[in-house]
Amino acid sequence: MGNYEIKDGSIFVSVNPKVYPLDVIFSAAYIFTDKNYIVLDGNPEEEVIVEIKPKEKTDEMEKIAMEFNNELVNYGSYAVQLARNAHLREHILHRVLQTAGMHTGHRHAQETGSLENSKPWKK
């Protein structure tokens, strides 16, 4: 994979924002913040450079770069599925709210009726 370079104790990953939008890049980078320092730079229209600098010395720089690329794919796939299923979520939410509104109104009427029936002195 030719999208990363290791130099001066850091990994520099070049990301094409037309393939991986900024929200995907941020999500992938966030996963690495526990064990690494992250710097994003570049032009978000052309190329984003992600600098990953491990907080502790490691011999696994290439592994970190490859794991970052895997996270890009992971969050990219998640974003695609989220967009693909957006209409289904909206439909389900609409149905739930519609059903909840009908049941809540019906239950409220029953509760009001039963409350009045439970007070014989009000008749």
Protein backbone atom coordinates (compact mmCIF):
# COMPACT_ATOMS: atom_id res chain seq x y z
CA MET A 1 0.00 0.00 0.00
CA GLY A 2 1.52 3.26 -1.04
CA ASN A 3 -0.58 5.77 0.87
CA TYR A 4 1.69 6.06 3.92
CA GLU A 5 5.23 7.01 4.79
CA ILE A 6 7.13 6.48 8.03
CA LYS A 7 9.67 9.12 9.01
CA ASP A 8 10.97 10.85 12.14
CA GLY A 9 8.92 8.62 14.46
CA SER A 10 5.62 9.42 12.76
CA ILE A 11 3.38 7.82 10.19
CA PHE A 12 2.03 10.08 7.45
CA VAL A 13 -1.06 8.68 5.74
CA SER A 14 -2.37 10.32 2.59
CA VAL A 15 -6.15 10.08 2.31
CA ASN A 16 -8.24 10.95 -0.73
CA PRO A 17 -11.28 12.88 0.60
CA LYS A 18 -13.27 11.94 -2.49
CA VAL A 19 -13.03 8.30 -1.39
CA TYR A 20 -13.16 8.92 2.39
CA PRO A 21 -15.04 12.08 3.45
CA LEU A 22 -13.81 14.12 6.43
CA ASP A 23 -16.31 12.59 8.87
CA VAL A 24 -14.95 9.14 8.03
CA ILE A 25 -11.35 10.34 8.43
CA PHE A 26 -12.18 11.92 11.81
CA SER A 27 -13.91 8.74 12.98
CA ALA A 28 -11.00 6.54 11.96
CA ALA A 29 -8.46 8.93 13.53
CA TYR A 30 -10.40 9.12 16.79
CA ILE A 31 -9.90 5.38 17.37
CA PHE A 32 -6.14 5.98 17.48
CA THR A 33 -6.09 8.86 19.98
CA ASP A 34 -5.60 6.64 23.05
CA LYS A 35 -2.15 5.45 22.00
CA ASN A 36 -1.17 8.08 19.42
CA TYR A 37 -1.08 11.79 18.76
CA ILE A 38 -3.04 12.68 15.64
CA VAL A 39 -2.63 15.70 13.36
CA LEU A 40 -4.80 16.29 10.30
CA ASP A 41 -3.55 18.59 7.56
CA GLY A 42 -3.91 19.20 3.85
CA ASN A 43 -6.65 20.40 1.57
CA PRO A 44 -9.99 18.70 2.31
CA GLU A 45 -10.89 19.02 -1.38
CA GLU A 46 -7.78 17.26 -2.69
CA GLU A 47 -5.76 15.36 -0.07
CA VAL A 48 -5.83 14.99 3.71
CA ILE A 49 -2.59 14.08 5.45
CA VAL A 50 -3.01 12.23 8.75
CA GLU A 51 0.06 12.27 10.95
CA ILE A 52 0.05 9.49 13.56
CA LYS A 53 2.75 9.77 16.21
CA PRO A 54 2.76 6.96 18.81
CA LYS A 55 2.82 8.18 22.42
CA GLU A 56 5.26 5.37 23.25
CA LYS A 57 8.14 4.03 21.20
CA THR A 58 7.09 1.09 19.03
CA ASP A 59 8.48 -1.12 16.30
CA GLU A 60 5.01 -1.60 14.78
CA MET A 61 4.73 1.58 12.74
CA GLU A 62 3.71 -0.23 9.58
CA LYS A 63 1.05 -2.17 11.51
CA ILE A 64 -0.39 1.11 12.84
CA ALA A 65 -0.57 2.50 9.29
CA MET A 66 -2.33 -0.62 8.03
CA GLU A 67 -4.76 -0.58 10.97
CA PHE A 68 -5.57 3.05 10.20
CA ASN A 69 -6.36 2.11 6.61
CA ASN A 70 -8.61 -0.68 7.89
CA GLU A 71 -10.47 1.82 10.09
CA LEU A 72 -10.99 4.06 7.07
CA VAL A 73 -12.65 1.15 5.29
CA ASN A 74 -14.64 0.27 8.43
CA TYR A 75 -16.07 3.77 8.92
CA GLY A 76 -16.47 4.29 5.17
CA SER A 77 -18.59 1.15 5.00
CA TYR A 78 -20.58 2.26 8.05
CA ALA A 79 -21.29 5.65 6.41
CA VAL A 80 -22.47 3.95 3.20
CA GLN A 81 -24.78 1.59 5.12
CA LEU A 82 -26.09 4.48 7.22
CA ALA A 83 -26.96 6.46 4.08
CA ARG A 84 -28.41 3.40 2.37
CA ASN A 85 -30.73 2.65 5.31
CA ALA A 86 -31.71 6.22 6.20
CA HIS A 87 -35.16 5.93 4.62
CA LEU A 88 -35.86 2.70 6.54
CA ARG A 89 -34.94 4.31 9.88
CA GLU A 90 -37.17 7.29 9.11
CA HIS A 91 -40.05 5.02 8.15
CA ILE A 92 -39.67 2.90 11.31
CA LEU A 93 -39.43 5.99 13.51
CA HIS A 94 -42.51 7.48 11.87
CA ARG A 95 -44.45 4.25 12.47
CA VAL A 96 -43.31 4.02 16.09
CA LEU A 97 -44.28 7.62 16.81
CA GLN A 98 -47.59 7.20 15.02
CA THR A 99 -48.37 4.01 16.95
CA ALA A 100 -47.20 5.49 20.26
CA GLY A 101 -49.39 8.55 19.71
CA MET A 102 -52.47 6.40 19.09
CA HIS A 103 -51.85 4.22 22.13
CA THR A 104 -51.00 7.14 24.39
CA GLY A 105 -54.20 8.97 23.42
CA HIS A 106 -56.28 5.84 23.92
CA ARG A 107 -54.66 5.06 27.27
CA HIS A 108 -55.15 8.66 28.43
CA ALA A 109 -58.86 8.44 27.65
CA GLN A 110 -59.13 5.15 29.54
CA GLU A 111 -57.25 6.53 32.53
CA THR A 112 -59.42 9.65 32.64
CA GLY A 113 -62.58 7.56 32.43
CA SER A 114 -61.47 5.12 35.11
CA LEU A 115 -60.39 7.95 37.41
CA GLU A 116 -63.81 9.59 37.20
CA ASN A 117 -65.48 6.23 37.82
CA SER A 118 -63.38 5.68 40.91
CA LYS A 119 -64.79 8.81 42.62
CA PRO A 120 -68.47 8.06 43.29
CA TRP A 121 -68.96 11.33 45.22
CA LYS A 122 -68.39 13.32 42.00
CA LYS A 123 -71.52 11.89 40.29
